[in-house]
Amino acid sequence: MVEHRSPKPGVGSSSLSSRANIFEMKKIVNYIKETYDELVHKVSWPTYSELTNSAVVVLYASLLIALIVFAMDFCFQTLMESIIYPH
């Protein structure tokens, strides 16, 4: 089958690029539909209580790490001021 094209762009039969654009658009739409389907039907979302418990664990862990870093900083500062560089 031979495709006849007009010398002017956009005149006559559809060009290959417009068909390629339609194909790409269909791929994007299909991707969005599949993503929505997976998020709605396949993902197991945590309950509110599970989410709250996880947030509390993260909060306590963050505070513990912050206290450890503060204690290390205070110890090194004291060491530097009193032993290594005394005034």
C-alpha atoms as a PDB file:
ATOM      1  CA  MET A   1       0.000   0.000   0.000  1.00  0.00           C
ATOM      2  CA  VAL A   2       1.426   3.341  -1.024  1.00  0.00           C
ATOM      3  CA  GLU A   3       0.715   6.477   0.949  1.00  0.00           C
ATOM      4  CA  HIS A   4       0.237   9.623  -1.083  1.00  0.00           C
ATOM      5  CA  ARG A   5       1.146  12.837   0.642  1.00  0.00           C
ATOM      6  CA  SER A   6       0.321  16.371  -0.256  1.00  0.00           C
ATOM      7  CA  PRO A   7       3.298  18.719  -0.681  1.00  0.00           C
ATOM      8  CA  LYS A   8       1.629  21.045   1.796  1.00  0.00           C
ATOM      9  CA  PRO A   9       1.743  19.967   5.443  1.00  0.00           C
ATOM     10  CA  GLY A  10      -1.605  19.239   7.037  1.00  0.00           C
ATOM     11  CA  VAL A  11      -3.419  18.828   3.711  1.00  0.00           C
ATOM     12  CA  GLY A  12      -4.720  15.502   2.453  1.00  0.00           C
ATOM     13  CA  SER A  13      -4.218  12.222   4.264  1.00  0.00           C
ATOM     14  CA  SER A  14      -2.996  12.080   7.812  1.00  0.00           C
ATOM     15  CA  SER A  15       0.717  12.279   8.299  1.00  0.00           C
ATOM     16  CA  LEU A  16       2.784   9.695  10.116  1.00  0.00           C
ATOM     17  CA  SER A  17       3.630  12.135  12.879  1.00  0.00           C
ATOM     18  CA  SER A  18      -0.018  12.734  13.791  1.00  0.00           C
ATOM     19  CA  ARG A  19      -0.604   8.979  13.977  1.00  0.00           C
ATOM     20  CA  ALA A  20       2.472   8.665  16.171  1.00  0.00           C
ATOM     21  CA  ASN A  21       1.138  11.448  18.415  1.00  0.00           C
ATOM     22  CA  ILE A  22      -2.196   9.653  18.743  1.00  0.00           C
ATOM     23  CA  PHE A  23      -0.383   6.424  19.632  1.00  0.00           C
ATOM     24  CA  GLU A  24       1.717   8.220  22.257  1.00  0.00           C
ATOM     25  CA  MET A  25      -1.398   9.870  23.688  1.00  0.00           C
ATOM     26  CA  LYS A  26      -3.135   6.483  23.948  1.00  0.00           C
ATOM     27  CA  LYS A  27      -0.101   5.110  25.792  1.00  0.00           C
ATOM     28  CA  ILE A  28      -0.212   8.003  28.269  1.00  0.00           C
ATOM     29  CA  VAL A  29      -3.956   7.629  28.846  1.00  0.00           C
ATOM     30  CA  ASN A  30      -3.538   3.873  29.334  1.00  0.00           C
ATOM     31  CA  TYR A  31      -0.721   4.479  31.825  1.00  0.00           C
ATOM     32  CA  ILE A  32      -2.885   6.884  33.844  1.00  0.00           C
ATOM     33  CA  LYS A  33      -5.810   4.428  33.862  1.00  0.00           C
ATOM     34  CA  GLU A  34      -3.589   1.563  35.031  1.00  0.00           C
ATOM     35  CA  THR A  35      -2.002   3.745  37.705  1.00  0.00           C
ATOM     36  CA  TYR A  36      -5.420   4.775  39.036  1.00  0.00           C
ATOM     37  CA  ASP A  37      -6.613   1.165  39.037  1.00  0.00           C
ATOM     38  CA  GLU A  38      -3.545   0.040  40.974  1.00  0.00           C
ATOM     39  CA  LEU A  39      -3.823   2.837  43.541  1.00  0.00           C
ATOM     40  CA  VAL A  40      -7.530   2.218  44.127  1.00  0.00           C
ATOM     41  CA  HIS A  41      -7.755  -1.577  43.975  1.00  0.00           C
ATOM     42  CA  LYS A  42      -4.328  -3.118  44.597  1.00  0.00           C
ATOM     43  CA  VAL A  43      -2.505  -0.918  47.128  1.00  0.00           C
ATOM     44  CA  SER A  44      -3.198  -1.725  50.770  1.00  0.00           C
ATOM     45  CA  TRP A  45      -3.389   1.638  52.482  1.00  0.00           C
ATOM     46  CA  PRO A  46      -2.725   1.843  56.241  1.00  0.00           C
ATOM     47  CA  THR A  47      -5.578   2.519  58.609  1.00  0.00           C
ATOM     48  CA  TYR A  48      -5.706   5.760  60.575  1.00  0.00           C
ATOM     49  CA  SER A  49      -4.471   4.063  63.756  1.00  0.00           C
ATOM     50  CA  GLU A  50      -1.575   2.375  61.915  1.00  0.00           C
ATOM     51  CA  LEU A  51      -0.615   5.706  60.394  1.00  0.00           C
ATOM     52  CA  THR A  52      -0.792   7.434  63.781  1.00  0.00           C
ATOM     53  CA  ASN A  53       1.321   4.740  65.436  1.00  0.00           C
ATOM     54  CA  SER A  54       3.950   4.986  62.696  1.00  0.00           C
ATOM     55  CA  ALA A  55       4.058   8.778  63.022  1.00  0.00           C
ATOM     56  CA  VAL A  56       4.572   8.490  66.800  1.00  0.00           C
ATOM     57  CA  VAL A  57       7.417   5.994  66.289  1.00  0.00           C
ATOM     58  CA  VAL A  58       9.094   8.336  63.796  1.00  0.00           C
ATOM     59  CA  LEU A  59       8.661  11.278  66.190  1.00  0.00           C
ATOM     60  CA  TYR A  60      10.252   9.422  69.114  1.00  0.00           C
ATOM     61  CA  ALA A  61      13.079   8.084  66.964  1.00  0.00           C
ATOM     62  CA  SER A  62      13.805  11.590  65.649  1.00  0.00           C
ATOM     63  CA  LEU A  63      13.846  13.035  69.172  1.00  0.00           C
ATOM     64  CA  LEU A  64      16.152  10.250  70.377  1.00  0.00           C
ATOM     65  CA  ILE A  65      18.603  10.822  67.524  1.00  0.00           C
ATOM     66  CA  ALA A  66      18.496  14.585  68.139  1.00  0.00           C
ATOM     67  CA  LEU A  67      19.290  14.044  71.843  1.00  0.00           C
ATOM     68  CA  ILE A  68      22.181  11.715  70.979  1.00  0.00           C
ATOM     69  CA  VAL A  69      23.639  14.232  68.535  1.00  0.00           C
ATOM     70  CA  PHE A  70      23.201  17.031  71.116  1.00  0.00           C
ATOM     71  CA  ALA A  71      24.974  14.963  73.793  1.00  0.00           C
ATOM     72  CA  MET A  72      27.855  14.140  71.435  1.00  0.00           C
ATOM     73  CA  ASP A  73      28.172  17.797  70.414  1.00  0.00           C
ATOM     74  CA  PHE A  74      28.151  18.931  74.045  1.00  0.00           C
ATOM     75  CA  CYS A  75      30.816  16.350  74.977  1.00  0.00           C
ATOM     76  CA  PHE A  76      33.084  17.319  72.088  1.00  0.00           C
ATOM     77  CA  GLN A  77      32.616  21.020  72.813  1.00  0.00           C
ATOM     78  CA  THR A  78      33.524  20.480  76.466  1.00  0.00           C
ATOM     79  CA  LEU A  79      36.523  18.388  75.449  1.00  0.00           C
ATOM     80  CA  MET A  80      37.761  21.020  73.003  1.00  0.00           C
ATOM     81  CA  GLU A  81      37.257  23.949  75.413  1.00  0.00           C
ATOM     82  CA  SER A  82      38.741  22.363  78.515  1.00  0.00           C
ATOM     83  CA  ILE A  83      41.466  19.991  77.354  1.00  0.00           C
ATOM     84  CA  ILE A  84      42.619  20.836  73.838  1.00  0.00           C
ATOM     85  CA  TYR A  85      42.136  24.637  73.699  1.00  0.00           C
ATOM     86  CA  PRO A  86      41.914  25.896  77.295  1.00  0.00           C
ATOM     87  CA  HIS A  87      41.392  29.641  77.828  1.00  0.00           C
END
